[in-house]
């Protein structure tokens, strides 16, 4: 399909047919299935059983921003004083102490990720405190990945230098769209010069992998200003780019009500923007990864795709093979081979729980054997756009015939040339990539198709 031309009428019909609501499948079961039945006592028991020789990953949630972007779906708030951040850091250290009490001993860590929010709201002194405690709690593997999500509008050279001194080697910068009209419509103003300066500092201090986050489907966004944004950011030759579709969920994120829905592009326009950007990135030598990531061929993400090692978690597509993620901070999600756990999402109750000496777990879900089976099917579809049902069934001691109902519901996707089946292998076609979440939903035993909890599929 030529993506420079408007979406073909036939595809518009497919959009109307398949543009329902479905999870983003960064996990299975999804967060909708989390319940309070998985609590701090459950989590403490799971932690005590972790093997001492198996490396883990650590996620720290920093729920603060200098500004609140109206499109944001993250758990964060705008602050203009440092005191709440400094107090939060001290409580993060206390949560680490509570975690250490529950662990069977000192574990190796192969990845540390600072998310948010904007972790560059932390001061260098804050980072000294956090990384000092992390290093006393975990043995860092020689090839550890230390990454952070950053807002280029308030990034400083001193912050980058301080983070690099603690091993920062990956960074993700929020760009979204550089059109002043789009930025005005979502309350996020930043210049290309700020992004250039941020990348320059990161490169100068040895950050070897830089990702730029872009979006499509924002108010006032067009194919033209999407490609104009790419014209600029591609001059920086980032190792990775992410191209996320804006999810308008004002019933979950009240600040999204500030967006004028009349200015949001429709499904066909969203696809035009997505396809045009993808075509441009591929023409510039980037490998398309999964639903919304792109990487240079030599990047770890592209190599993992080629080797069948690509994974998907709450941060999106990743090369992280760890079977355990320890989440710290308000709303942070963690996982291990027993299930998912999530901390209290609201910052004040999280603070109160930690101050009282409690692991601040609010909810989670324990895996069943069927969850693990279906989770692997969904992850392979999201990562590879293909899945060998027979091979996965064998690994889980299941009969592929168990999936006969799901395969029967695949019929419309086959008829519309969105997927093919060869033996027991499902392959998503190029035309079907935008609706892969709808295919995954066929294997989701927990999904309520009538619930309006998720974003639109396209």
Protein backbone atom coordinates (compact mmCIF):
# COMPACT_ATOMS: atom_id res chain seq x y z
CA UNK A 1 0.00 0.00 0.00
CA UNK A 2 1.21 3.50 -0.75
CA UNK A 3 1.02 5.36 2.51
CA UNK A 4 1.47 8.79 0.96
CA UNK A 5 -2.02 8.55 -0.49
CA UNK A 6 -5.08 8.53 1.78
CA UNK A 7 -6.12 5.16 3.14
CA UNK A 8 -7.94 3.15 0.47
CA UNK A 9 -11.75 2.85 0.75
CA UNK A 10 -11.45 -0.92 1.28
CA UNK A 11 -9.24 -0.34 4.30
CA UNK A 12 -11.66 2.26 5.65
CA UNK A 13 -14.29 -0.50 5.65
CA UNK A 14 -11.89 -2.76 7.57
CA UNK A 15 -11.28 0.00 10.10
CA UNK A 16 -14.98 0.30 10.78
CA UNK A 17 -15.20 -3.48 11.15
CA UNK A 18 -12.24 -4.03 13.48
CA UNK A 19 -11.76 -0.72 15.32
CA UNK A 20 -13.19 -1.92 18.61
CA UNK A 21 -11.55 -1.67 22.01
CA UNK A 22 -8.80 -4.01 23.16
CA UNK A 23 -5.92 -4.01 25.65
CA UNK A 24 -2.45 -2.97 24.53
CA UNK A 25 -1.26 -6.38 25.77
CA UNK A 26 1.82 -5.18 27.60
CA UNK A 27 0.89 -7.99 29.97
CA UNK A 28 -1.38 -11.01 30.21
CA UNK A 29 -3.53 -11.13 32.21
CA UNK A 30 -3.94 -7.37 31.77
CA UNK A 31 -4.18 -4.89 34.64
CA UNK A 32 -7.98 -5.02 34.44
CA UNK A 33 -7.76 -8.47 36.02
CA UNK A 34 -5.70 -7.30 39.01
CA UNK A 35 -7.55 -7.68 42.33
CA UNK A 36 -6.84 -6.91 46.02
CA UNK A 37 -6.67 -10.66 46.68
CA UNK A 38 -2.99 -10.40 45.77
CA UNK A 39 -1.72 -8.28 48.64
CA UNK A 40 1.47 -7.47 50.52
CA UNK A 41 1.50 -10.88 52.23
CA UNK A 42 1.20 -12.62 48.86
CA UNK A 43 4.01 -10.51 47.45
CA UNK A 44 6.23 -11.16 50.46
CA UNK A 45 5.79 -14.89 49.95
CA UNK A 46 6.63 -14.66 46.25
CA UNK A 47 9.73 -12.56 46.97
CA UNK A 48 11.02 -15.07 49.52
CA UNK A 49 11.06 -17.77 46.84
CA UNK A 50 13.15 -15.91 44.26
CA UNK A 51 16.31 -17.82 43.27
CA UNK A 52 19.48 -16.07 44.43
CA UNK A 53 21.38 -16.79 41.22
CA UNK A 54 18.80 -15.36 38.80
CA UNK A 55 19.20 -11.73 37.71
CA UNK A 56 16.25 -9.40 38.17
CA UNK A 57 15.22 -6.05 36.73
CA UNK A 58 14.20 -3.04 38.82
CA UNK A 59 11.71 -0.30 37.95
CA UNK A 60 11.46 2.97 39.89
CA UNK A 61 8.41 5.15 39.23
CA UNK A 62 8.96 8.91 39.58
CA UNK A 63 5.46 10.48 39.39
CA UNK A 64 6.45 14.13 38.89
CA UNK A 65 6.60 16.48 35.92
CA UNK A 66 7.37 20.13 35.41
CA UNK A 67 4.22 20.35 33.27
CA UNK A 68 1.16 18.19 32.72
CA UNK A 69 0.67 17.25 29.08
CA UNK A 70 -3.01 16.79 28.31
CA UNK A 71 -2.52 13.60 26.28
CA UNK A 72 -0.61 11.85 29.06
CA UNK A 73 -1.78 8.45 30.26
CA UNK A 74 0.89 8.09 32.94
CA UNK A 75 0.53 8.26 36.70
CA UNK A 76 2.11 11.66 37.35
CA UNK A 77 1.48 15.21 38.53
CA UNK A 78 3.01 18.62 37.95
CA UNK A 79 5.03 20.11 40.83
CA UNK A 80 6.88 23.39 41.18
CA UNK A 81 8.63 22.71 44.49
CA UNK A 82 11.35 20.19 45.23
CA UNK A 83 10.24 19.26 48.76
CA UNK A 84 7.60 16.68 47.69
CA UNK A 85 10.16 15.03 45.42
CA UNK A 86 12.85 14.89 48.09
CA UNK A 87 10.37 13.35 50.57
CA UNK A 88 9.29 10.83 47.92
CA UNK A 89 12.92 9.81 47.36
CA UNK A 90 13.37 9.08 51.07
CA UNK A 91 10.25 6.92 51.00
CA UNK A 92 11.53 5.08 47.91
CA UNK A 93 14.63 4.21 49.94
CA UNK A 94 12.41 2.97 52.75
CA UNK A 95 10.45 0.84 50.27
CA UNK A 96 13.77 -0.63 49.12
CA UNK A 97 14.52 -1.48 52.75
CA UNK A 98 11.14 -3.21 53.07
CA UNK A 99 11.88 -5.10 49.86
CA UNK A 100 15.29 -6.16 51.15
CA UNK A 101 13.67 -7.63 54.28
CA UNK A 102 11.42 -9.80 52.12
CA UNK A 103 14.07 -11.01 49.66
CA UNK A 104 15.95 -14.26 50.34
CA UNK A 105 19.28 -12.47 49.99
CA UNK A 106 21.30 -10.19 47.74
CA UNK A 107 20.25 -10.56 44.09
CA UNK A 108 22.00 -9.62 40.83
CA UNK A 109 20.32 -6.84 38.83
CA UNK A 110 20.64 -6.69 35.06
CA UNK A 111 18.45 -3.65 34.42
CA UNK A 112 17.38 -0.51 36.30
CA UNK A 113 14.75 1.69 34.69
CA UNK A 114 13.56 5.09 35.91
CA UNK A 115 10.10 5.88 34.57
CA UNK A 116 7.45 8.43 35.23
CA UNK A 117 6.54 11.11 35.04
CA UNK A 118 9.87 12.74 34.33
CA UNK A 119 12.77 11.21 36.28
CA UNK A 120 14.89 14.25 35.43
CA UNK A 121 12.81 16.07 38.04
CA UNK A 122 15.20 14.35 40.47
CA UNK A 123 18.23 16.36 41.53
CA UNK A 124 21.76 14.93 41.34
CA UNK A 125 21.62 14.58 45.12
CA UNK A 126 18.38 12.60 44.84
CA UNK A 127 20.06 10.23 42.38
CA UNK A 128 23.03 9.80 44.70
CA UNK A 129 20.61 8.63 47.39
CA UNK A 130 18.64 6.27 45.15
CA UNK A 131 21.57 4.67 43.37
CA UNK A 132 23.53 4.40 46.60
CA UNK A 133 20.75 2.29 48.11
CA UNK A 134 20.27 0.27 44.91
CA UNK A 135 23.95 -0.60 44.82
CA UNK A 136 23.86 -1.73 48.43
CA UNK A 137 20.83 -3.92 47.73
CA UNK A 138 21.76 -5.51 44.37
CA UNK A 139 24.88 -6.77 42.62
CA UNK A 140 24.96 -5.09 39.21
CA UNK A 141 25.77 -7.41 36.31
CA UNK A 142 28.68 -6.29 34.06
CA UNK A 143 26.30 -5.54 31.16
CA UNK A 144 23.60 -3.85 33.23
CA UNK A 145 21.17 -1.59 31.39
CA UNK A 146 20.41 1.65 33.26
CA UNK A 147 17.79 3.73 31.53
CA UNK A 148 15.51 6.72 32.12
CA UNK A 149 12.55 8.44 30.51
CA UNK A 150 13.34 12.13 30.10
CA UNK A 151 11.58 15.41 29.34
CA UNK A 152 13.96 17.38 27.09
CA UNK A 153 12.34 20.71 28.00
CA UNK A 154 13.80 20.62 31.53
CA UNK A 155 16.85 18.41 31.06
CA UNK A 156 20.18 19.93 32.11
CA UNK A 157 23.80 19.11 31.43
CA UNK A 158 24.43 18.65 35.16
CA UNK A 159 21.60 16.12 35.38
CA UNK A 160 22.98 14.08 32.48
CA UNK A 161 26.48 14.16 33.97
CA UNK A 162 25.17 13.00 37.35
CA UNK A 163 23.08 10.21 35.82
CA UNK A 164 26.01 9.07 33.69
CA UNK A 165 28.17 8.84 36.80
CA UNK A 166 25.69 6.23 38.07
CA UNK A 167 25.86 4.26 34.83
CA UNK A 168 23.06 5.70 32.69
CA UNK A 169 23.53 4.11 29.28
CA UNK A 170 20.05 4.32 27.73
CA UNK A 171 17.63 7.23 27.55
CA UNK A 172 14.22 7.89 26.08
CA UNK A 173 13.20 11.43 25.19
CA UNK A 174 9.60 12.54 24.73
CA UNK A 175 9.15 14.40 21.45
CA UNK A 176 5.61 13.47 20.31
CA UNK A 177 5.19 16.12 17.56
CA UNK A 178 7.07 19.33 16.78
CA UNK A 179 4.18 21.26 15.18
CA UNK A 180 3.45 24.34 17.34
CA UNK A 181 -0.28 23.90 16.61
CA UNK A 182 -0.25 20.31 17.87
CA UNK A 183 1.85 21.24 20.90
CA UNK A 184 -0.58 24.02 21.77
CA UNK A 185 -3.51 21.60 21.57
CA UNK A 186 -1.92 19.22 24.12
CA UNK A 187 -0.18 21.74 26.41
CA UNK A 188 3.34 20.61 25.54
CA UNK A 189 5.62 23.22 24.07
CA UNK A 190 9.21 22.36 23.24
CA UNK A 191 11.57 23.26 20.44
CA UNK A 192 13.68 21.05 18.25
CA UNK A 193 16.72 22.92 19.58
CA UNK A 194 15.94 21.62 23.09
CA UNK A 195 15.88 18.07 21.76
CA UNK A 196 19.16 18.57 19.88
CA UNK A 197 20.77 19.90 23.07
CA UNK A 198 19.47 16.96 25.12
CA UNK A 199 20.79 14.41 22.63
CA UNK A 200 24.15 16.21 22.45
CA UNK A 201 24.58 16.05 26.22
CA UNK A 202 23.55 12.39 26.39
CA UNK A 203 26.00 11.43 23.65
CA UNK A 204 28.79 13.48 25.25
CA UNK A 205 28.42 11.60 28.54
CA UNK A 206 28.44 8.16 26.97
CA UNK A 207 24.76 7.24 26.72
CA UNK A 208 24.98 4.65 23.97
CA UNK A 209 21.32 4.16 23.10
CA UNK A 210 18.80 6.97 22.62
CA UNK A 211 15.12 6.48 21.91
CA UNK A 212 12.76 9.23 20.78
CA UNK A 213 9.06 8.87 21.56
CA UNK A 214 6.72 10.12 18.83
CA UNK A 215 2.94 9.96 18.59
CA UNK A 216 0.20 9.90 15.99
CA UNK A 217 -3.49 10.67 16.42
CA UNK A 218 -3.00 13.84 18.47
CA UNK A 219 -5.37 16.80 18.02
CA UNK A 220 -4.50 18.87 14.92
CA UNK A 221 -2.01 16.23 13.83
CA UNK A 222 -1.71 15.52 10.10
CA UNK A 223 0.45 13.39 7.84
CA UNK A 224 2.30 16.57 6.84
CA UNK A 225 3.32 17.64 10.37
CA UNK A 226 4.09 14.01 11.28
CA UNK A 227 6.57 13.75 8.41
CA UNK A 228 7.93 17.24 9.14
CA UNK A 229 8.70 16.08 12.69
CA UNK A 230 10.49 13.02 11.30
CA UNK A 231 12.50 15.21 8.90
CA UNK A 232 13.99 16.94 11.93
CA UNK A 233 14.48 14.12 14.42
CA UNK A 234 16.04 11.76 11.86
CA UNK A 235 18.97 14.16 11.55
CA UNK A 236 19.86 13.02 15.09
CA UNK A 237 19.98 9.36 14.02
CA UNK A 238 18.60 7.92 17.28
CA UNK A 239 19.13 4.20 17.78
CA UNK A 240 15.41 3.73 18.37
CA UNK A 241 12.13 5.51 17.82
CA UNK A 242 8.71 4.66 19.22
CA UNK A 243 5.56 5.72 17.37
CA UNK A 244 2.63 5.46 19.77
CA UNK A 245 -1.01 6.02 18.89
CA UNK A 246 -2.68 8.52 21.20
CA UNK A 247 -5.20 6.71 23.43
CA UNK A 248 -8.10 9.01 24.31
CA UNK A 249 -9.44 7.64 27.60
CA UNK A 250 -10.85 10.68 29.46
CA UNK A 251 -12.88 8.40 31.76
CA UNK A 252 -9.52 7.18 33.13
CA UNK A 253 -7.44 10.35 32.79
CA UNK A 254 -9.53 13.41 33.65
CA UNK A 255 -7.02 15.90 32.22
CA UNK A 256 -7.65 14.44 28.76
CA UNK A 257 -11.03 16.17 28.95
CA UNK A 258 -9.10 19.38 28.20
CA UNK A 259 -8.49 18.07 24.66
CA UNK A 260 -10.98 19.23 22.05
CA UNK A 261 -12.30 15.95 20.64
CA UNK A 262 -13.43 17.76 17.48
CA UNK A 263 -9.73 18.25 16.66
CA UNK A 264 -8.82 14.56 17.00
CA UNK A 265 -8.11 12.76 13.73
CA UNK A 266 -10.41 9.86 12.86
CA UNK A 267 -9.32 6.23 12.47
CA UNK A 268 -8.47 6.57 8.75
CA UNK A 269 -6.42 9.71 9.41
CA UNK A 270 -4.63 7.97 12.28
CA UNK A 271 -3.69 5.11 9.98
CA UNK A 272 -2.48 7.54 7.34
CA UNK A 273 -0.17 9.14 9.91
CA UNK A 274 1.04 5.80 11.22
CA UNK A 275 1.68 4.28 7.79
CA UNK A 276 3.37 7.39 6.42
CA UNK A 277 5.72 7.56 9.42
CA UNK A 278 6.48 3.83 9.25
CA UNK A 279 7.27 3.99 5.54
CA UNK A 280 9.58 6.94 6.09
CA UNK A 281 11.43 5.27 8.94
CA UNK A 282 11.90 2.01 7.04
CA UNK A 283 13.16 3.96 4.01
CA UNK A 284 15.76 5.56 6.33
CA UNK A 285 17.09 2.14 7.33
CA UNK A 286 15.14 1.47 10.52
CA UNK A 287 13.72 -1.98 11.24
CA UNK A 288 10.05 -2.04 12.21
CA UNK A 289 9.68 -3.73 15.60
CA UNK A 290 6.29 -5.01 16.62
CA UNK A 291 3.38 -2.61 16.62
CA UNK A 292 5.06 0.72 17.28
CA UNK A 293 8.87 0.58 17.62
CA UNK A 294 11.69 1.12 15.12
CA UNK A 295 15.41 0.46 15.55
CA UNK A 296 18.62 0.61 13.59
CA UNK A 297 19.58 -2.88 12.33
CA UNK A 298 22.55 -3.15 14.71
CA UNK A 299 20.52 -2.13 17.76
CA UNK A 300 19.80 -4.78 20.40
CA UNK A 301 16.05 -4.51 19.74
CA UNK A 302 16.41 -5.31 16.02
CA UNK A 303 18.83 -8.14 16.77
CA UNK A 304 16.41 -9.62 19.33
CA UNK A 305 13.63 -9.53 16.73
CA UNK A 306 15.79 -11.39 14.22
CA UNK A 307 16.77 -13.99 16.81
CA UNK A 308 13.23 -14.49 18.17
CA UNK A 309 14.12 -13.03 21.60
CA UNK A 310 11.92 -9.93 21.53
CA UNK A 311 9.79 -9.47 24.65
CA UNK A 312 6.92 -7.18 25.61
CA UNK A 313 6.30 -5.72 29.06
CA UNK A 314 4.85 -2.62 30.69
CA UNK A 315 7.57 -0.43 29.13
CA UNK A 316 6.72 -1.74 25.63
CA UNK A 317 9.04 -3.85 23.47
CA UNK A 318 12.25 -4.89 25.17
CA UNK A 319 15.25 -7.19 25.06
CA UNK A 320 15.12 -7.71 28.84
CA UNK A 321 14.98 -11.49 29.47
CA UNK A 322 14.51 -11.19 33.23
CA UNK A 323 11.70 -13.31 34.65
CA UNK A 324 11.42 -10.96 37.65
CA UNK A 325 10.75 -7.22 37.64
CA UNK A 326 10.69 -5.49 41.02
CA UNK A 327 8.55 -2.33 40.90
CA UNK A 328 9.13 0.52 43.36
CA UNK A 329 7.13 3.70 43.80
CA UNK A 330 3.50 4.74 43.52
CA UNK A 331 1.59 2.68 40.89
CA UNK A 332 4.69 0.62 39.96
CA UNK A 333 3.99 -2.84 38.56
CA UNK A 334 6.23 -5.82 39.10
CA UNK A 335 6.13 -9.43 38.02
CA UNK A 336 7.67 -12.79 38.75
CA UNK A 337 6.88 -16.35 37.81
CA UNK A 338 3.97 -16.42 40.26
CA UNK A 339 2.11 -13.36 38.98
CA UNK A 340 1.84 -9.57 38.77
CA UNK A 341 1.76 -7.09 41.64
CA UNK A 342 0.98 -3.38 41.59
CA UNK A 343 1.69 -0.77 44.21
CA UNK A 344 -0.93 1.66 45.44
CA UNK A 345 -1.46 4.06 42.53
CA UNK A 346 -2.37 7.20 44.48
CA UNK A 347 0.73 8.92 45.78
CA UNK A 348 -0.53 9.93 49.25
CA UNK A 349 -1.80 6.45 50.27
CA UNK A 350 1.43 4.98 48.88
CA UNK A 351 3.42 7.39 51.06
CA UNK A 352 1.34 6.49 54.11
CA UNK A 353 1.76 2.74 53.60
CA UNK A 354 5.54 2.95 53.20
CA UNK A 355 5.87 5.32 56.17
CA UNK A 356 3.94 2.77 58.25
CA UNK A 357 6.43 0.06 57.27
CA UNK A 358 4.18 -1.85 54.89
CA UNK A 359 4.99 -3.10 51.43
CA UNK A 360 2.63 -0.80 49.49
CA UNK A 361 0.96 -3.47 47.33
CA UNK A 362 -2.61 -2.68 46.31
CA UNK A 363 -3.50 -5.50 43.94
CA UNK A 364 -2.25 -8.09 41.50
CA UNK A 365 -3.04 -11.40 39.89
CA UNK A 366 -1.66 -14.89 40.37
CA UNK A 367 -0.93 -16.78 37.16
CA UNK A 368 -2.83 -19.92 36.28
CA UNK A 369 -1.35 -22.48 33.91
CA UNK A 370 -3.84 -21.25 31.30
CA UNK A 371 -2.67 -17.64 31.78
CA UNK A 372 0.92 -18.65 31.07
CA UNK A 373 -0.19 -20.60 27.99
CA UNK A 374 -2.27 -17.79 26.52
CA UNK A 375 0.21 -15.13 27.61
CA UNK A 376 2.93 -16.71 25.49
CA UNK A 377 0.61 -16.87 22.46
CA UNK A 378 -0.31 -13.20 22.84
CA UNK A 379 3.29 -12.09 23.41
CA UNK A 380 4.51 -13.87 20.27
CA UNK A 381 1.73 -12.33 18.19
CA UNK A 382 2.55 -8.85 19.55
CA UNK A 383 6.29 -9.31 19.02
CA UNK A 384 6.61 -11.47 15.89
CA UNK A 385 3.18 -11.05 14.21
CA UNK A 386 3.26 -14.85 14.01
CA UNK A 387 2.80 -17.74 16.40
CA UNK A 388 3.24 -21.50 16.18
CA UNK A 389 0.36 -22.77 18.28
CA UNK A 390 1.53 -26.38 18.18
CA UNK A 391 4.98 -25.53 19.55
CA UNK A 392 3.55 -23.43 22.37
CA UNK A 393 0.95 -26.07 23.18
CA UNK A 394 3.71 -28.69 23.54
CA UNK A 395 5.73 -26.43 25.86
CA UNK A 396 2.73 -26.02 28.13
CA UNK A 397 1.56 -29.62 28.02
CA UNK A 398 -1.58 -28.65 26.16
CA UNK A 399 -3.38 -29.99 23.11
CA UNK A 400 -3.57 -27.51 20.24
CA UNK A 401 -7.15 -28.72 19.78
CA UNK A 402 -7.94 -26.73 22.95
CA UNK A 403 -7.67 -23.63 20.75
CA UNK A 404 -10.27 -24.73 18.22
CA UNK A 405 -12.82 -22.09 19.37
CA UNK A 406 -10.25 -19.30 18.98
CA UNK A 407 -9.20 -20.52 15.54
CA UNK A 408 -12.83 -20.60 14.43
CA UNK A 409 -13.19 -16.92 15.42
CA UNK A 410 -10.16 -16.11 13.27
CA UNK A 411 -12.28 -16.64 10.15
CA UNK A 412 -13.11 -12.98 9.40
CA UNK A 413 -9.43 -12.01 9.68
CA UNK A 414 -8.56 -14.70 7.13
CA UNK A 415 -11.33 -13.66 4.78
CA UNK A 416 -10.19 -10.01 4.92
CA UNK A 417 -6.53 -10.99 4.29
CA UNK A 418 -5.42 -9.70 7.69
CA UNK A 419 -3.99 -13.06 8.71
CA UNK A 420 -3.11 -16.45 7.24
CA UNK A 421 -2.95 -19.92 8.76
CA UNK A 422 -0.49 -22.60 7.66
CA UNK A 423 -0.90 -25.78 9.67
CA UNK A 424 -0.98 -24.47 13.24
CA UNK A 425 0.97 -21.27 12.55
CA UNK A 426 -0.86 -17.93 12.44
CA UNK A 427 0.83 -15.16 10.44
CA UNK A 428 -0.39 -11.56 10.56
CA UNK A 429 -0.15 -9.93 7.12
CA UNK A 430 1.22 -6.44 6.50
CA UNK A 431 -2.36 -5.27 6.04
CA UNK A 432 -3.29 -6.85 9.36
CA UNK A 433 -0.55 -5.32 11.52
CA UNK A 434 -2.76 -2.43 12.74
CA UNK A 435 -5.35 -4.89 14.07
CA UNK A 436 -2.99 -7.37 15.76
CA UNK A 437 -4.47 -6.46 19.16
CA UNK A 438 -7.86 -7.62 17.88
CA UNK A 439 -6.31 -10.97 16.92
CA UNK A 440 -4.68 -11.24 20.35
CA UNK A 441 -8.07 -10.57 21.93
CA UNK A 442 -9.34 -13.84 20.43
CA UNK A 443 -7.05 -15.70 22.85
CA UNK A 444 -7.88 -13.51 25.87
CA UNK A 445 -10.05 -15.57 28.20
CA UNK A 446 -10.56 -12.63 30.56
CA UNK A 447 -11.66 -9.97 28.08
CA UNK A 448 -15.16 -8.53 28.39
CA UNK A 449 -15.93 -7.23 24.88
CA UNK A 450 -18.76 -5.09 26.20
CA UNK A 451 -16.63 -3.21 28.73
CA UNK A 452 -15.41 0.23 27.66
CA UNK A 453 -12.16 -0.03 29.60
CA UNK A 454 -9.62 -0.02 26.79
CA UNK A 455 -8.47 2.30 24.03
CA UNK A 456 -9.56 1.83 20.41
CA UNK A 457 -7.73 -0.92 18.53
CA UNK A 458 -6.61 1.39 15.69
